[in-house]
Amino acid sequence: CVSVWLYVRLPISIQVTSLPGMDPAAVGAALGKFDAYLAAPDSCMLPELKLLYSSKTRQSVQAKAAHSICHVYQVVYGALTSPAAVRHYQQSGVVLNRTPQQITALLLL
């Protein structure tokens, strides 16, 4: 989602619920896809990564990607668990099943 990326990258104080593409249905669908990714992270690996000759470089790229995913999840988690967002999303049945610490443990350990 471009809206999420802009929210993460720009120091703006705007409610995440007002961003385009952040309606409860879209957020729920994105969280479902993220859960699928967490179940099999290697399935989302780009084929080009396998073409890197150096295993050290390959591991470095994978680690940087995992750190980026953890950072973005932490920002999104904070936005979705703000008081206004909680009311908005919980009424629609959107639930964050994991904390940022759990995501970090899954992806980086």
PDB file of N, CA and C in Angstrom:
ATOM      1  N   CYS A   1       0.829  -1.183   0.000  1.00  0.00           N
ATOM      2  CA  CYS A   1       0.000   0.000   0.000  1.00  0.00           C
ATOM      3  C   CYS A   1       0.873   1.244   0.000  1.00  0.00           C
ATOM      4  N   VAL A   2       0.618   2.114  -0.923  1.00  0.00           N
ATOM      5  CA  VAL A   2       1.348   3.369  -0.997  1.00  0.00           C
ATOM      6  C   VAL A   2       1.043   4.220   0.231  1.00  0.00           C
ATOM      7  N   SER A   3      -0.201   4.184   0.702  1.00  0.00           N
ATOM      8  CA  SER A   3      -0.586   4.978   1.864  1.00  0.00           C
ATOM      9  C   SER A   3       0.224   4.585   3.091  1.00  0.00           C
ATOM     10  N   VAL A   4       0.408   3.311   3.295  1.00  0.00           N
ATOM     11  CA  VAL A   4       1.173   2.833   4.446  1.00  0.00           C
ATOM     12  C   VAL A   4       2.619   3.269   4.313  1.00  0.00           C
ATOM     13  N   TRP A   5       3.184   3.133   3.122  1.00  0.00           N
ATOM     14  CA  TRP A   5       4.568   3.523   2.912  1.00  0.00           C
ATOM     15  C   TRP A   5       4.761   5.017   3.194  1.00  0.00           C
ATOM     16  N   LEU A   6       3.849   5.847   2.706  1.00  0.00           N
ATOM     17  CA  LEU A   6       3.941   7.280   2.970  1.00  0.00           C
ATOM     18  C   LEU A   6       3.793   7.561   4.462  1.00  0.00           C
ATOM     19  N   TYR A   7       2.897   6.862   5.110  1.00  0.00           N
ATOM     20  CA  TYR A   7       2.681   7.045   6.545  1.00  0.00           C
ATOM     21  C   TYR A   7       3.954   6.702   7.318  1.00  0.00           C
ATOM     22  N   VAL A   8       4.639   5.654   6.907  1.00  0.00           N
ATOM     23  CA  VAL A   8       5.859   5.217   7.580  1.00  0.00           C
ATOM     24  C   VAL A   8       7.001   6.186   7.310  1.00  0.00           C
ATOM     25  N   ARG A   9       7.111   6.680   6.090  1.00  0.00           N
ATOM     26  CA  ARG A   9       8.259   7.493   5.683  1.00  0.00           C
ATOM     27  C   ARG A   9       8.137   8.976   6.034  1.00  0.00           C
ATOM     28  N   LEU A  10       6.942   9.502   6.074  1.00  0.00           N
ATOM     29  CA  LEU A  10       6.776  10.937   6.299  1.00  0.00           C
ATOM     30  C   LEU A  10       6.414  11.220   7.753  1.00  0.00           C
ATOM     31  N   PRO A  11       7.038  12.218   8.351  1.00  0.00           N
ATOM     32  CA  PRO A  11       6.718  12.573   9.743  1.00  0.00           C
ATOM     33  C   PRO A  11       5.445  13.415   9.813  1.00  0.00           C
ATOM     34  N   ILE A  12       4.320  12.773   9.576  1.00  0.00           N
ATOM     35  CA  ILE A  12       3.057  13.498   9.604  1.00  0.00           C
ATOM     36  C   ILE A  12       2.226  13.003  10.774  1.00  0.00           C
ATOM     37  N   SER A  13       1.406  13.879  11.283  1.00  0.00           N
ATOM     38  CA  SER A  13       0.517  13.474  12.371  1.00  0.00           C
ATOM     39  C   SER A  13      -0.904  13.431  11.820  1.00  0.00           C
ATOM     40  N   ILE A  14      -1.216  12.320  11.221  1.00  0.00           N
ATOM     41  CA  ILE A  14      -2.533  12.117  10.622  1.00  0.00           C
ATOM     42  C   ILE A  14      -3.052  10.765  11.100  1.00  0.00           C
ATOM     43  N   GLN A  15      -4.339  10.684  11.271  1.00  0.00           N
ATOM     44  CA  GLN A  15      -4.931   9.412  11.675  1.00  0.00           C
ATOM     45  C   GLN A  15      -4.855   8.431  10.509  1.00  0.00           C
ATOM     46  N   VAL A  16      -4.378   7.254  10.796  1.00  0.00           N
ATOM     47  CA  VAL A  16      -4.229   6.235   9.754  1.00  0.00           C
ATOM     48  C   VAL A  16      -5.588   5.877   9.148  1.00  0.00           C
ATOM     49  N   THR A  17      -6.638   6.024   9.913  1.00  0.00           N
ATOM     50  CA  THR A  17      -7.972   5.685   9.419  1.00  0.00           C
ATOM     51  C   THR A  17      -8.434   6.595   8.294  1.00  0.00           C
ATOM     52  N   SER A  18      -7.818   7.775   8.170  1.00  0.00           N
ATOM     53  CA  SER A  18      -8.233   8.710   7.131  1.00  0.00           C
ATOM     54  C   SER A  18      -7.436   8.544   5.831  1.00  0.00           C
ATOM     55  N   LEU A  19      -6.439   7.680   5.830  1.00  0.00           N
ATOM     56  CA  LEU A  19      -5.637   7.474   4.620  1.00  0.00           C
ATOM     57  C   LEU A  19      -6.388   6.622   3.602  1.00  0.00           C
ATOM     58  N   PRO A  20      -6.231   6.915   2.316  1.00  0.00           N
ATOM     59  CA  PRO A  20      -6.867   6.074   1.297  1.00  0.00           C
ATOM     60  C   PRO A  20      -6.280   4.658   1.343  1.00  0.00           C
ATOM     61  N   GLY A  21      -7.121   3.689   1.179  1.00  0.00           N
ATOM     62  CA  GLY A  21      -6.672   2.295   1.185  1.00  0.00           C
ATOM     63  C   GLY A  21      -6.494   1.720   2.574  1.00  0.00           C
ATOM     64  N   MET A  22      -6.881   2.454   3.603  1.00  0.00           N
ATOM     65  CA  MET A  22      -6.739   1.958   4.972  1.00  0.00           C
ATOM     66  C   MET A  22      -8.093   1.678   5.597  1.00  0.00           C
ATOM     67  N   ASP A  23      -9.070   1.380   4.763  1.00  0.00           N
ATOM     68  CA  ASP A  23     -10.375   0.998   5.276  1.00  0.00           C
ATOM     69  C   ASP A  23     -10.262  -0.380   5.922  1.00  0.00           C
ATOM     70  N   PRO A  24     -11.164  -0.741   6.811  1.00  0.00           N
ATOM     71  CA  PRO A  24     -11.050  -2.009   7.530  1.00  0.00           C
ATOM     72  C   PRO A  24     -10.929  -3.239   6.625  1.00  0.00           C
ATOM     73  N   ALA A  25     -11.636  -3.259   5.518  1.00  0.00           N
ATOM     74  CA  ALA A  25     -11.557  -4.426   4.620  1.00  0.00           C
ATOM     75  C   ALA A  25     -10.152  -4.555   4.024  1.00  0.00           C
ATOM     76  N   ALA A  26      -9.579  -3.455   3.591  1.00  0.00           N
ATOM     77  CA  ALA A  26      -8.235  -3.486   2.996  1.00  0.00           C
ATOM     78  C   ALA A  26      -7.184  -3.854   4.034  1.00  0.00           C
ATOM     79  N   VAL A  27      -7.308  -3.303   5.230  1.00  0.00           N
ATOM     80  CA  VAL A  27      -6.349  -3.617   6.300  1.00  0.00           C
ATOM     81  C   VAL A  27      -6.463  -5.081   6.688  1.00  0.00           C
ATOM     82  N   GLY A  28      -7.687  -5.587   6.799  1.00  0.00           N
ATOM     83  CA  GLY A  28      -7.885  -6.999   7.118  1.00  0.00           C
ATOM     84  C   GLY A  28      -7.285  -7.910   6.063  1.00  0.00           C
ATOM     85  N   ALA A  29      -7.473  -7.558   4.798  1.00  0.00           N
ATOM     86  CA  ALA A  29      -6.902  -8.353   3.706  1.00  0.00           C
ATOM     87  C   ALA A  29      -5.378  -8.314   3.735  1.00  0.00           C
ATOM     88  N   ALA A  30      -4.811  -7.140   3.996  1.00  0.00           N
ATOM     89  CA  ALA A  30      -3.354  -7.011   4.061  1.00  0.00           C
ATOM     90  C   ALA A  30      -2.788  -7.815   5.226  1.00  0.00           C
ATOM     91  N   LEU A  31      -3.468  -7.782   6.364  1.00  0.00           N
ATOM     92  CA  LEU A  31      -3.004  -8.559   7.518  1.00  0.00           C
ATOM     93  C   LEU A  31      -3.081 -10.052   7.234  1.00  0.00           C
ATOM     94  N   GLY A  32      -4.089 -10.477   6.493  1.00  0.00           N
ATOM     95  CA  GLY A  32      -4.184 -11.887   6.096  1.00  0.00           C
ATOM     96  C   GLY A  32      -3.013 -12.290   5.214  1.00  0.00           C
ATOM     97  N   LYS A  33      -2.659 -11.432   4.271  1.00  0.00           N
ATOM     98  CA  LYS A  33      -1.503 -11.711   3.404  1.00  0.00           C
ATOM     99  C   LYS A  33      -0.205 -11.705   4.204  1.00  0.00           C
ATOM    100  N   PHE A  34      -0.102 -10.816   5.179  1.00  0.00           N
ATOM    101  CA  PHE A  34       1.090 -10.765   6.014  1.00  0.00           C
ATOM    102  C   PHE A  34       1.216 -12.041   6.846  1.00  0.00           C
ATOM    103  N   ASP A  35       0.097 -12.533   7.365  1.00  0.00           N
ATOM    104  CA  ASP A  35       0.118 -13.807   8.103  1.00  0.00           C
ATOM    105  C   ASP A  35       0.575 -14.945   7.205  1.00  0.00           C
ATOM    106  N   ALA A  36       0.129 -14.947   5.950  1.00  0.00           N
ATOM    107  CA  ALA A  36       0.568 -15.977   5.000  1.00  0.00           C
ATOM    108  C   ALA A  36       2.065 -15.866   4.759  1.00  0.00           C
ATOM    109  N   TYR A  37       2.573 -14.649   4.650  1.00  0.00           N
ATOM    110  CA  TYR A  37       4.007 -14.440   4.494  1.00  0.00           C
ATOM    111  C   TYR A  37       4.767 -14.972   5.712  1.00  0.00           C
ATOM    112  N   LEU A  38       4.257 -14.690   6.911  1.00  0.00           N
ATOM    113  CA  LEU A  38       4.938 -15.152   8.127  1.00  0.00           C
ATOM    114  C   LEU A  38       4.966 -16.675   8.213  1.00  0.00           C
ATOM    115  N   ALA A  39       3.958 -17.320   7.665  1.00  0.00           N
ATOM    116  CA  ALA A  39       3.921 -18.786   7.687  1.00  0.00           C
ATOM    117  C   ALA A  39       4.978 -19.390   6.767  1.00  0.00           C
ATOM    118  N   ALA A  40       5.317 -18.684   5.691  1.00  0.00           N
ATOM    119  CA  ALA A  40       6.309 -19.198   4.732  1.00  0.00           C
ATOM    120  C   ALA A  40       7.083 -18.034   4.117  1.00  0.00           C
ATOM    121  N   PRO A  41       7.973 -17.391   4.882  1.00  0.00           N
ATOM    122  CA  PRO A  41       8.672 -16.212   4.355  1.00  0.00           C
ATOM    123  C   PRO A  41       9.540 -16.510   3.140  1.00  0.00           C
ATOM    124  N   ASP A  42      10.063 -17.711   3.042  1.00  0.00           N
ATOM    125  CA  ASP A  42      10.911 -18.040   1.891  1.00  0.00           C
ATOM    126  C   ASP A  42      10.131 -18.078   0.584  1.00  0.00           C
ATOM    127  N   SER A  43       8.821 -18.258   0.668  1.00  0.00           N
ATOM    128  CA  SER A  43       8.014 -18.312  -0.552  1.00  0.00           C
ATOM    129  C   SER A  43       7.938 -16.948  -1.243  1.00  0.00           C
ATOM    130  N   CYS A  44       8.245 -15.884  -0.514  1.00  0.00           N
ATOM    131  CA  CYS A  44       8.204 -14.529  -1.082  1.00  0.00           C
ATOM    132  C   CYS A  44       9.578 -14.029  -1.492  1.00  0.00           C
ATOM    133  N   MET A  45      10.579 -14.883  -1.394  1.00  0.00           N
ATOM    134  CA  MET A  45      11.926 -14.473  -1.751  1.00  0.00           C
ATOM    135  C   MET A  45      12.029 -14.284  -3.264  1.00  0.00           C
ATOM    136  N   LEU A  46      12.643 -13.184  -3.658  1.00  0.00           N
ATOM    137  CA  LEU A  46      12.826 -12.927  -5.082  1.00  0.00           C
ATOM    138  C   LEU A  46      13.788 -13.947  -5.686  1.00  0.00           C
ATOM    139  N   PRO A  47      13.486 -14.460  -6.864  1.00  0.00           N
ATOM    140  CA  PRO A  47      14.375 -15.441  -7.506  1.00  0.00           C
ATOM    141  C   PRO A  47      15.780 -14.883  -7.751  1.00  0.00           C
ATOM    142  N   GLU A  48      15.874 -13.572  -7.961  1.00  0.00           N
ATOM    143  CA  GLU A  48      17.174 -12.957  -8.215  1.00  0.00           C
ATOM    144  C   GLU A  48      18.126 -13.094  -7.023  1.00  0.00           C
ATOM    145  N   LEU A  49      17.555 -13.224  -5.835  1.00  0.00           N
ATOM    146  CA  LEU A  49      18.387 -13.377  -4.649  1.00  0.00           C
ATOM    147  C   LEU A  49      19.220 -14.653  -4.717  1.00  0.00           C
ATOM    148  N   LYS A  50      18.679 -15.671  -5.330  1.00  0.00           N
ATOM    149  CA  LYS A  50      19.406 -16.937  -5.471  1.00  0.00           C
ATOM    150  C   LYS A  50      20.586 -16.817  -6.435  1.00  0.00           C
ATOM    151  N   LEU A  51      20.569 -15.781  -7.272  1.00  0.00           N
ATOM    152  CA  LEU A  51      21.636 -15.592  -8.246  1.00  0.00           C
ATOM    153  C   LEU A  51      22.883 -14.936  -7.648  1.00  0.00           C
ATOM    154  N   LEU A  52      22.755 -14.432  -6.428  1.00  0.00           N
ATOM    155  CA  LEU A  52      23.919 -13.843  -5.772  1.00  0.00           C
ATOM    156  C   LEU A  52      24.910 -14.957  -5.429  1.00  0.00           C
ATOM    157  N   TYR A  53      26.146 -14.787  -5.833  1.00  0.00           N
ATOM    158  CA  TYR A  53      27.149 -15.824  -5.611  1.00  0.00           C
ATOM    159  C   TYR A  53      27.576 -15.916  -4.154  1.00  0.00           C
ATOM    160  N   SER A  54      27.682 -14.794  -3.518  1.00  0.00           N
ATOM    161  CA  SER A  54      28.168 -14.756  -2.144  1.00  0.00           C
ATOM    162  C   SER A  54      27.021 -15.032  -1.172  1.00  0.00           C
ATOM    163  N   SER A  55      27.177 -16.066  -0.363  1.00  0.00           N
ATOM    164  CA  SER A  55      26.142 -16.357   0.628  1.00  0.00           C
ATOM    165  C   SER A  55      26.105 -15.266   1.694  1.00  0.00           C
ATOM    166  N   LYS A  56      27.239 -14.636   1.952  1.00  0.00           N
ATOM    167  CA  LYS A  56      27.293 -13.546   2.921  1.00  0.00           C
ATOM    168  C   LYS A  56      26.455 -12.358   2.429  1.00  0.00           C
ATOM    169  N   THR A  57      26.569 -12.032   1.151  1.00  0.00           N
ATOM    170  CA  THR A  57      25.780 -10.946   0.570  1.00  0.00           C
ATOM    171  C   THR A  57      24.300 -11.298   0.593  1.00  0.00           C
ATOM    172  N   ARG A  58      23.980 -12.532   0.244  1.00  0.00           N
ATOM    173  CA  ARG A  58      22.596 -12.997   0.244  1.00  0.00           C
ATOM    174  C   ARG A  58      21.993 -12.887   1.651  1.00  0.00           C
ATOM    175  N   GLN A  59      22.735 -13.302   2.658  1.00  0.00           N
ATOM    176  CA  GLN A  59      22.262 -13.225   4.043  1.00  0.00           C
ATOM    177  C   GLN A  59      22.099 -11.767   4.482  1.00  0.00           C
ATOM    178  N   SER A  60      23.001 -10.908   4.038  1.00  0.00           N
ATOM    179  CA  SER A  60      22.917  -9.495   4.379  1.00  0.00           C
ATOM    180  C   SER A  60      21.649  -8.868   3.782  1.00  0.00           C
ATOM    181  N   VAL A  61      21.362  -9.193   2.538  1.00  0.00           N
ATOM    182  CA  VAL A  61      20.150  -8.679   1.878  1.00  0.00           C
ATOM    183  C   VAL A  61      18.906  -9.175   2.605  1.00  0.00           C
ATOM    184  N   GLN A  62      18.886 -10.439   2.956  1.00  0.00           N
ATOM    185  CA  GLN A  62      17.737 -11.005   3.665  1.00  0.00           C
ATOM    186  C   GLN A  62      17.566 -10.354   5.036  1.00  0.00           C
ATOM    187  N   ALA A  63      18.664 -10.115   5.739  1.00  0.00           N
ATOM    188  CA  ALA A  63      18.590  -9.501   7.064  1.00  0.00           C
ATOM    189  C   ALA A  63      18.077  -8.068   6.972  1.00  0.00           C
ATOM    190  N   LYS A  64      18.561  -7.316   5.981  1.00  0.00           N
ATOM    191  CA  LYS A  64      18.101  -5.934   5.816  1.00  0.00           C
ATOM    192  C   LYS A  64      16.613  -5.892   5.478  1.00  0.00           C
ATOM    193  N   ALA A  65      16.173  -6.809   4.644  1.00  0.00           N
ATOM    194  CA  ALA A  65      14.746  -6.869   4.300  1.00  0.00           C
ATOM    195  C   ALA A  65      13.917  -7.202   5.538  1.00  0.00           C
ATOM    196  N   ALA A  66      14.385  -8.144   6.342  1.00  0.00           N
ATOM    197  CA  ALA A  66      13.659  -8.524   7.557  1.00  0.00           C
ATOM    198  C   ALA A  66      13.603  -7.352   8.540  1.00  0.00           C
ATOM    199  N   HIS A  67      14.694  -6.613   8.685  1.00  0.00           N
ATOM    200  CA  HIS A  67      14.701  -5.446   9.566  1.00  0.00           C
ATOM    201  C   HIS A  67      13.716  -4.394   9.068  1.00  0.00           C
ATOM    202  N   SER A  68      13.663  -4.188   7.759  1.00  0.00           N
ATOM    203  CA  SER A  68      12.728  -3.207   7.188  1.00  0.00           C
ATOM    204  C   SER A  68      11.284  -3.625   7.442  1.00  0.00           C
ATOM    205  N   ILE A  69      11.001  -4.889   7.262  1.00  0.00           N
ATOM    206  CA  ILE A  69       9.642  -5.393   7.498  1.00  0.00           C
ATOM    207  C   ILE A  69       9.266  -5.210   8.966  1.00  0.00           C
ATOM    208  N   CYS A  70      10.193  -5.508   9.861  1.00  0.00           N
ATOM    209  CA  CYS A  70       9.932  -5.340  11.289  1.00  0.00           C
ATOM    210  C   CYS A  70       9.670  -3.878  11.635  1.00  0.00           C
ATOM    211  N   HIS A  71      10.451  -2.979  11.048  1.00  0.00           N
ATOM    212  CA  HIS A  71      10.263  -1.551  11.314  1.00  0.00           C
ATOM    213  C   HIS A  71       8.896  -1.072  10.818  1.00  0.00           C
ATOM    214  N   VAL A  72       8.552  -1.430   9.607  1.00  0.00           N
ATOM    215  CA  VAL A  72       7.266  -1.005   9.048  1.00  0.00           C
ATOM    216  C   VAL A  72       6.121  -1.585   9.875  1.00  0.00           C
ATOM    217  N   TYR A  73       6.233  -2.850  10.284  1.00  0.00           N
ATOM    218  CA  TYR A  73       5.177  -3.452  11.096  1.00  0.00           C
ATOM    219  C   TYR A  73       5.034  -2.710  12.425  1.00  0.00           C
ATOM    220  N   GLN A  74       6.162  -2.322  13.021  1.00  0.00           N
ATOM    221  CA  GLN A  74       6.105  -1.605  14.290  1.00  0.00           C
ATOM    222  C   GLN A  74       5.373  -0.273  14.139  1.00  0.00           C
ATOM    223  N   VAL A  75       5.642   0.454  13.070  1.00  0.00           N
ATOM    224  CA  VAL A  75       4.973   1.737  12.828  1.00  0.00           C
ATOM    225  C   VAL A  75       3.485   1.513  12.566  1.00  0.00           C
ATOM    226  N   VAL A  76       3.169   0.545  11.723  1.00  0.00           N
ATOM    227  CA  VAL A  76       1.767   0.256  11.408  1.00  0.00           C
ATOM    228  C   VAL A  76       1.033  -0.229  12.655  1.00  0.00           C
ATOM    229  N   TYR A  77       1.671  -1.083  13.436  1.00  0.00           N
ATOM    230  CA  TYR A  77       1.069  -1.575  14.682  1.00  0.00           C
ATOM    231  C   TYR A  77       0.746  -0.403  15.605  1.00  0.00           C
ATOM    232  N   GLY A  78       1.702   0.525  15.747  1.00  0.00           N
ATOM    233  CA  GLY A  78       1.457   1.695  16.586  1.00  0.00           C
ATOM    234  C   GLY A  78       0.287   2.524  16.088  1.00  0.00           C
ATOM    235  N   ALA A  79       0.202   2.679  14.778  1.00  0.00           N
ATOM    236  CA  ALA A  79      -0.896   3.460  14.201  1.00  0.00           C
ATOM    237  C   ALA A  79      -2.238   2.759  14.382  1.00  0.00           C
ATOM    238  N   LEU A  80      -2.251   1.443  14.205  1.00  0.00           N
ATOM    239  CA  LEU A  80      -3.515   0.709  14.293  1.00  0.00           C
ATOM    240  C   LEU A  80      -3.960   0.460  15.726  1.00  0.00           C
ATOM    241  N   THR A  81      -3.055   0.654  16.673  1.00  0.00           N
ATOM    242  CA  THR A  81      -3.431   0.457  18.075  1.00  0.00           C
ATOM    243  C   THR A  81      -3.626   1.780  18.802  1.00  0.00           C
ATOM    244  N   SER A  82      -3.614   2.892  18.071  1.00  0.00           N
ATOM    245  CA  SER A  82      -3.941   4.179  18.694  1.00  0.00           C
ATOM    246  C   SER A  82      -5.417   4.151  19.083  1.00  0.00           C
ATOM    247  N   PRO A  83      -5.817   4.922  20.091  1.00  0.00           N
ATOM    248  CA  PRO A  83      -7.221   4.857  20.554  1.00  0.00           C
ATOM    249  C   PRO A  83      -8.266   5.042  19.456  1.00  0.00           C
ATOM    250  N   ALA A  84      -8.085   6.010  18.577  1.00  0.00           N
ATOM    251  CA  ALA A  84      -9.078   6.232  17.510  1.00  0.00           C
ATOM    252  C   ALA A  84      -9.103   5.068  16.534  1.00  0.00           C
ATOM    253  N   ALA A  85      -7.936   4.553  16.197  1.00  0.00           N
ATOM    254  CA  ALA A  85      -7.872   3.452  15.236  1.00  0.00           C
ATOM    255  C   ALA A  85      -8.446   2.169  15.832  1.00  0.00           C
ATOM    256  N   VAL A  86      -8.185   1.922  17.110  1.00  0.00           N
ATOM    257  CA  VAL A  86      -8.699   0.707  17.749  1.00  0.00           C
ATOM    258  C   VAL A  86     -10.209   0.659  17.643  1.00  0.00           C
ATOM    259  N   ARG A  87     -10.851   1.767  17.972  1.00  0.00           N
ATOM    260  CA  ARG A  87     -12.327   1.801  17.875  1.00  0.00           C
ATOM    261  C   ARG A  87     -12.775   1.547  16.438  1.00  0.00           C
ATOM    262  N   HIS A  88     -12.109   2.174  15.496  1.00  0.00           N
ATOM    263  CA  HIS A  88     -12.487   2.067  14.085  1.00  0.00           C
ATOM    264  C   HIS A  88     -12.323   0.646  13.550  1.00  0.00           C
ATOM    265  N   TYR A  89     -11.182   0.040  13.824  1.00  0.00           N
ATOM    266  CA  TYR A  89     -10.893  -1.265  13.247  1.00  0.00           C
ATOM    267  C   TYR A  89     -11.504  -2.425  14.034  1.00  0.00           C
ATOM    268  N   GLN A  90     -11.569  -2.330  15.349  1.00  0.00           N
ATOM    269  CA  GLN A  90     -12.133  -3.438  16.120  1.00  0.00           C
ATOM    270  C   GLN A  90     -13.617  -3.614  15.849  1.00  0.00           C
ATOM    271  N   GLN A  91     -14.318  -2.525  15.600  1.00  0.00           N
ATOM    272  CA  GLN A  91     -15.737  -2.625  15.269  1.00  0.00           C
ATOM    273  C   GLN A  91     -15.947  -3.407  13.983  1.00  0.00           C
ATOM    274  N   SER A  92     -14.934  -3.413  13.133  1.00  0.00           N
ATOM    275  CA  SER A  92     -15.027  -4.115  11.852  1.00  0.00           C
ATOM    276  C   SER A  92     -14.405  -5.502  11.911  1.00  0.00           C
ATOM    277  N   GLY A  93     -13.912  -5.906  13.073  1.00  0.00           N
ATOM    278  CA  GLY A  93     -13.355  -7.241  13.224  1.00  0.00           C
ATOM    279  C   GLY A  93     -11.893  -7.381  12.825  1.00  0.00           C
ATOM    280  N   VAL A  94     -11.194  -6.274  12.597  1.00  0.00           N
ATOM    281  CA  VAL A  94      -9.772  -6.324  12.252  1.00  0.00           C
ATOM    282  C   VAL A  94      -8.976  -6.477  13.553  1.00  0.00           C
ATOM    283  N   VAL A  95      -8.145  -7.519  13.600  1.00  0.00           N
ATOM    284  CA  VAL A  95      -7.387  -7.793  14.807  1.00  0.00           C
ATOM    285  C   VAL A  95      -5.917  -7.997  14.450  1.00  0.00           C
ATOM    286  N   LEU A  96      -5.042  -7.351  15.211  1.00  0.00           N
ATOM    287  CA  LEU A  96      -3.607  -7.588  15.070  1.00  0.00           C
ATOM    288  C   LEU A  96      -3.253  -8.749  15.990  1.00  0.00           C
ATOM    289  N   ASN A  97      -2.854  -9.864  15.388  1.00  0.00           N
ATOM    290  CA  ASN A  97      -2.594 -11.062  16.172  1.00  0.00           C
ATOM    291  C   ASN A  97      -1.232 -11.083  16.842  1.00  0.00           C
ATOM    292  N   ARG A  98      -0.304 -10.274  16.360  1.00  0.00           N
ATOM    293  CA  ARG A  98       1.069 -10.323  16.870  1.00  0.00           C
ATOM    294  C   ARG A  98       1.586  -8.936  17.207  1.00  0.00           C
ATOM    295  N   THR A  99       2.420  -8.885  18.240  1.00  0.00           N
ATOM    296  CA  THR A  99       3.077  -7.637  18.608  1.00  0.00           C
ATOM    297  C   THR A  99       4.322  -7.463  17.740  1.00  0.00           C
ATOM    298  N   PRO A 100       4.867  -6.254  17.684  1.00  0.00           N
ATOM    299  CA  PRO A 100       6.119  -6.066  16.940  1.00  0.00           C
ATOM    300  C   PRO A 100       7.255  -6.959  17.469  1.00  0.00           C
ATOM    301  N   GLN A 101       7.274  -7.195  18.765  1.00  0.00           N
ATOM    302  CA  GLN A 101       8.308  -8.060  19.330  1.00  0.00           C
ATOM    303  C   GLN A 101       8.177  -9.494  18.810  1.00  0.00           C
ATOM    304  N   GLN A 102       6.958  -9.965  18.654  1.00  0.00           N
ATOM    305  CA  GLN A 102       6.746 -11.310  18.111  1.00  0.00           C
ATOM    306  C   GLN A 102       7.176 -11.388  16.648  1.00  0.00           C
ATOM    307  N   ILE A 103       6.899 -10.343  15.880  1.00  0.00           N
ATOM    308  CA  ILE A 103       7.312 -10.321  14.474  1.00  0.00           C
ATOM    309  C   ILE A 103       8.827 -10.335  14.387  1.00  0.00           C
ATOM    310  N   THR A 104       9.478  -9.542  15.234  1.00  0.00           N
ATOM    311  CA  THR A 104      10.937  -9.518  15.253  1.00  0.00           C
ATOM    312  C   THR A 104      11.486 -10.890  15.605  1.00  0.00           C
ATOM    313  N   ALA A 105      10.894 -11.539  16.585  1.00  0.00           N
ATOM    314  CA  ALA A 105      11.361 -12.885  16.967  1.00  0.00           C
ATOM    315  C   ALA A 105      11.179 -13.879  15.821  1.00  0.00           C
ATOM    316  N   LEU A 106      10.087 -13.769  15.096  1.00  0.00           N
ATOM    317  CA  LEU A 106       9.833 -14.697  13.985  1.00  0.00           C
ATOM    318  C   LEU A 106      10.793 -14.487  12.817  1.00  0.00           C
ATOM    319  N   LEU A 107      11.080 -13.223  12.511  1.00  0.00           N
ATOM    320  CA  LEU A 107      11.858 -12.926  11.311  1.00  0.00           C
ATOM    321  C   LEU A 107      13.365 -12.807  11.529  1.00  0.00           C
ATOM    322  N   LEU A 108      13.765 -12.441  12.731  1.00  0.00           N
ATOM    323  CA  LEU A 108      15.186 -12.163  12.937  1.00  0.00           C
ATOM    324  C   LEU A 108      15.912 -13.185  13.791  1.00  0.00           C
ATOM    325  N   LEU A 109      15.215 -14.072  14.418  1.00  0.00           N
ATOM    326  CA  LEU A 109      15.905 -15.044  15.271  1.00  0.00           C
ATOM    327  C   LEU A 109      15.997 -16.404  14.635  1.00  0.00           C
TER     328      LEU A 109
END
